[in-house]
Amino acid sequence: MENKNDIIDTLISDWNRERPDLDATAMHIVGRLLILGKGLEKRANQSLGEFEIHYTDLDVLATLRRSGSPFELSPKELMQSVLITSGAMTALLDRLTKLGLIYRSPDAMDGRVKKAGLTEKGKDIIDRAIKIRFNEAKDSIACLTKKEKEAFLPLLKKLMGTLS
């Protein structure tokens, strides 16, 4: 394991010097998770460049694709899987519609609701992009051994369970 100081070590050292009354030790984990999250999202966006979609676009397209035929969901159903606000969801669905990746149609059960569905173009893009995305995700954790990944997974799940 590398013992080289990083920005989080510097941050904690500075706070320990300036405010020794504060316990900044949680930032060893939280700060690194925040930086990791931003870095992972940046990597994901870069890997999707050839498709001219962003990570949030992929998230919606993937949710529709994995829902199974007919690859349609309501905005509410999408919101349960995609971590964005309802206002952002509306803007995202409008953007994906303009790109020809999804279509919007009234729900047969409730005409006030417009379901989102994958177009053939959208299905083709998500089928190609998800393969690249999964490979990028695999590459992003390649520095971890199998044993480290197995140890890390339940800890991440536990932390996520307490914050959700």
Protein backbone atom coordinates (compact mmCIF):
# COMPACT_ATOMS: atom_id res chain seq x y z
CA MET A 1 0.00 0.00 0.00
CA GLU A 2 1.22 3.47 -0.88
CA ASN A 3 1.99 5.81 2.04
CA LYS A 4 2.28 8.96 -0.06
CA ASN A 5 0.32 11.91 1.34
CA ASP A 6 -2.60 13.15 -0.75
CA ILE A 7 -4.87 16.20 -0.65
CA ILE A 8 -7.02 14.63 2.08
CA ASP A 9 -3.99 14.05 4.32
CA THR A 10 -3.07 17.72 3.80
CA LEU A 11 -6.62 18.87 4.54
CA ILE A 12 -6.75 16.87 7.78
CA SER A 13 -3.30 18.03 8.84
CA ASP A 14 -4.30 21.66 8.23
CA TRP A 15 -7.51 21.29 10.27
CA ASN A 16 -5.68 19.48 13.07
CA ARG A 17 -3.24 22.41 13.21
CA GLU A 18 -5.85 25.17 12.93
CA ARG A 19 -8.72 23.58 14.84
CA PRO A 20 -7.39 20.78 17.06
CA ASP A 21 -10.76 20.77 18.83
CA LEU A 22 -12.42 19.26 15.71
CA ASP A 23 -12.28 15.57 14.89
CA ALA A 24 -11.52 15.49 11.15
CA THR A 25 -10.73 11.75 10.97
CA ALA A 26 -13.97 10.89 9.12
CA MET A 27 -12.68 12.97 6.22
CA HIS A 28 -10.05 10.28 5.61
CA ILE A 29 -12.93 8.25 4.18
CA VAL A 30 -15.59 10.82 3.22
CA GLY A 31 -13.18 13.17 1.47
CA ARG A 32 -11.68 10.35 -0.55
CA LEU A 33 -15.12 8.99 -1.47
CA LEU A 34 -16.14 12.43 -2.74
CA ILE A 35 -12.98 12.75 -4.81
CA LEU A 36 -13.38 9.17 -6.08
CA GLY A 37 -16.99 9.84 -7.07
CA LYS A 38 -16.01 12.88 -9.12
CA GLY A 39 -13.12 11.00 -10.71
CA LEU A 40 -15.24 7.98 -11.56
CA GLU A 41 -17.93 10.18 -13.11
CA LYS A 42 -15.30 12.01 -15.17
CA ARG A 43 -13.89 8.69 -16.41
CA ALA A 44 -17.38 7.46 -17.28
CA ASN A 45 -18.15 10.64 -19.24
CA GLN A 46 -14.85 10.37 -21.14
CA SER A 47 -15.54 6.74 -22.04
CA LEU A 48 -18.89 7.74 -23.54
CA GLY A 49 -17.51 10.55 -25.70
CA GLU A 50 -17.83 8.69 -29.00
CA PHE A 51 -21.58 8.30 -28.40
CA GLU A 52 -22.06 12.00 -27.60
CA ILE A 53 -23.91 11.14 -24.41
CA HIS A 54 -23.14 11.86 -20.78
CA TYR A 55 -23.15 9.54 -17.79
CA THR A 56 -26.65 10.66 -16.75
CA ASP A 57 -27.88 9.99 -20.31
CA LEU A 58 -26.40 6.51 -20.11
CA ASP A 59 -28.07 5.97 -16.76
CA VAL A 60 -31.54 6.68 -18.21
CA LEU A 61 -30.92 4.69 -21.39
CA ALA A 62 -29.54 1.76 -19.39
CA THR A 63 -32.52 1.83 -17.02
CA LEU A 64 -34.90 1.68 -19.98
CA ARG A 65 -32.86 -1.09 -21.66
CA ARG A 66 -32.67 -3.31 -18.60
CA SER A 67 -36.40 -2.88 -17.93
CA GLY A 68 -37.03 -5.34 -20.78
CA SER A 69 -39.34 -5.14 -23.75
CA PRO A 70 -41.05 -2.79 -24.59
CA PHE A 71 -38.27 -0.72 -22.91
CA GLU A 72 -40.71 1.89 -21.56
CA LEU A 73 -40.96 3.48 -18.12
CA SER A 74 -42.71 6.44 -16.57
CA PRO A 75 -40.63 9.35 -15.29
CA LYS A 76 -41.49 8.21 -11.75
CA GLU A 77 -40.17 4.70 -12.46
CA LEU A 78 -37.00 6.20 -13.95
CA MET A 79 -36.54 8.43 -10.88
CA GLN A 80 -36.37 5.33 -8.67
CA SER A 81 -33.25 4.18 -10.51
CA VAL A 82 -31.57 7.40 -11.63
CA LEU A 83 -30.13 9.76 -9.03
CA ILE A 84 -31.30 13.14 -10.33
CA THR A 85 -34.06 15.60 -9.43
CA SER A 86 -37.44 15.60 -11.19
CA GLY A 87 -36.62 18.91 -12.92
CA ALA A 88 -33.34 17.51 -14.17
CA MET A 89 -35.14 14.34 -15.30
CA THR A 90 -37.57 16.37 -17.43
CA ALA A 91 -34.70 18.27 -19.07
CA LEU A 92 -32.78 15.02 -19.62
CA LEU A 93 -35.77 13.28 -21.21
CA ASP A 94 -36.32 16.29 -23.48
CA ARG A 95 -32.65 16.17 -24.50
CA LEU A 96 -32.74 12.42 -25.22
CA THR A 97 -35.94 12.88 -27.24
CA LYS A 98 -34.28 15.60 -29.36
CA LEU A 99 -31.33 13.27 -29.96
CA GLY A 100 -33.77 10.59 -31.19
CA LEU A 101 -32.70 8.13 -28.47
CA ILE A 102 -36.08 7.94 -26.74
CA TYR A 103 -39.69 8.69 -27.59
CA ARG A 104 -42.41 9.99 -25.28
CA SER A 105 -45.96 8.63 -25.39
CA PRO A 106 -49.02 8.89 -23.15
CA ASP A 107 -49.44 6.11 -20.61
CA ALA A 108 -52.41 3.88 -21.48
CA MET A 109 -53.48 3.85 -17.81
CA ASP A 110 -53.01 7.58 -17.14
CA GLY A 111 -52.92 9.96 -20.11
CA ARG A 112 -51.39 12.69 -17.94
CA VAL A 113 -48.20 10.66 -17.69
CA LYS A 114 -45.83 10.47 -20.64
CA LYS A 115 -43.82 7.26 -20.69
CA ALA A 116 -40.29 7.26 -22.04
CA GLY A 117 -39.25 4.47 -24.37
CA LEU A 118 -36.11 3.52 -26.27
CA THR A 119 -36.03 4.14 -30.00
CA GLU A 120 -34.08 1.71 -32.20
CA LYS A 121 -31.27 4.29 -32.30
CA GLY A 122 -31.35 4.54 -28.49
CA LYS A 123 -31.29 0.76 -28.09
CA ASP A 124 -28.34 0.49 -30.47
CA ILE A 125 -26.40 3.19 -28.63
CA ILE A 126 -27.04 1.78 -25.16
CA ASP A 127 -26.13 -1.74 -26.27
CA ARG A 128 -22.76 -0.48 -27.55
CA ALA A 129 -22.12 2.13 -24.83
CA ILE A 130 -22.88 -0.14 -21.87
CA LYS A 131 -20.21 -2.59 -23.00
CA ILE A 132 -17.64 0.21 -23.04
CA ARG A 133 -18.93 1.53 -19.72
CA PHE A 134 -18.63 -1.87 -18.01
CA ASN A 135 -15.08 -2.25 -19.34
CA GLU A 136 -14.19 1.25 -18.11
CA ALA A 137 -15.61 0.42 -14.67
CA LYS A 138 -13.56 -2.77 -14.58
CA ASP A 139 -10.43 -0.84 -15.56
CA SER A 140 -11.08 1.79 -12.88
CA ILE A 141 -10.75 -0.80 -10.10
CA ALA A 142 -8.05 -2.92 -11.69
CA CYS A 143 -5.57 -1.77 -9.02
CA LEU A 144 -7.52 -3.75 -6.40
CA THR A 145 -6.92 -7.44 -5.86
CA LYS A 146 -9.83 -9.87 -5.90
CA LYS A 147 -9.57 -10.14 -2.11
CA GLU A 148 -9.64 -6.33 -1.72
CA LYS A 149 -12.72 -6.06 -3.95
CA GLU A 150 -14.49 -8.77 -1.92
CA ALA A 151 -13.65 -6.94 1.33
CA PHE A 152 -14.60 -3.51 -0.04
CA LEU A 153 -18.03 -4.44 -1.43
CA PRO A 154 -19.85 -5.17 1.87
CA LEU A 155 -18.33 -2.05 3.43
CA LEU A 156 -19.59 0.13 0.59
CA LYS A 157 -23.04 -1.49 0.79
CA LYS A 158 -23.16 -0.91 4.54
CA LEU A 159 -22.21 2.74 4.17
CA MET A 160 -24.71 3.26 1.34
CA GLY A 161 -27.44 1.61 3.42
CA THR A 162 -26.97 4.10 6.24
CA LEU A 163 -26.93 7.13 3.96
CA SER A 164 -29.89 6.29 1.73
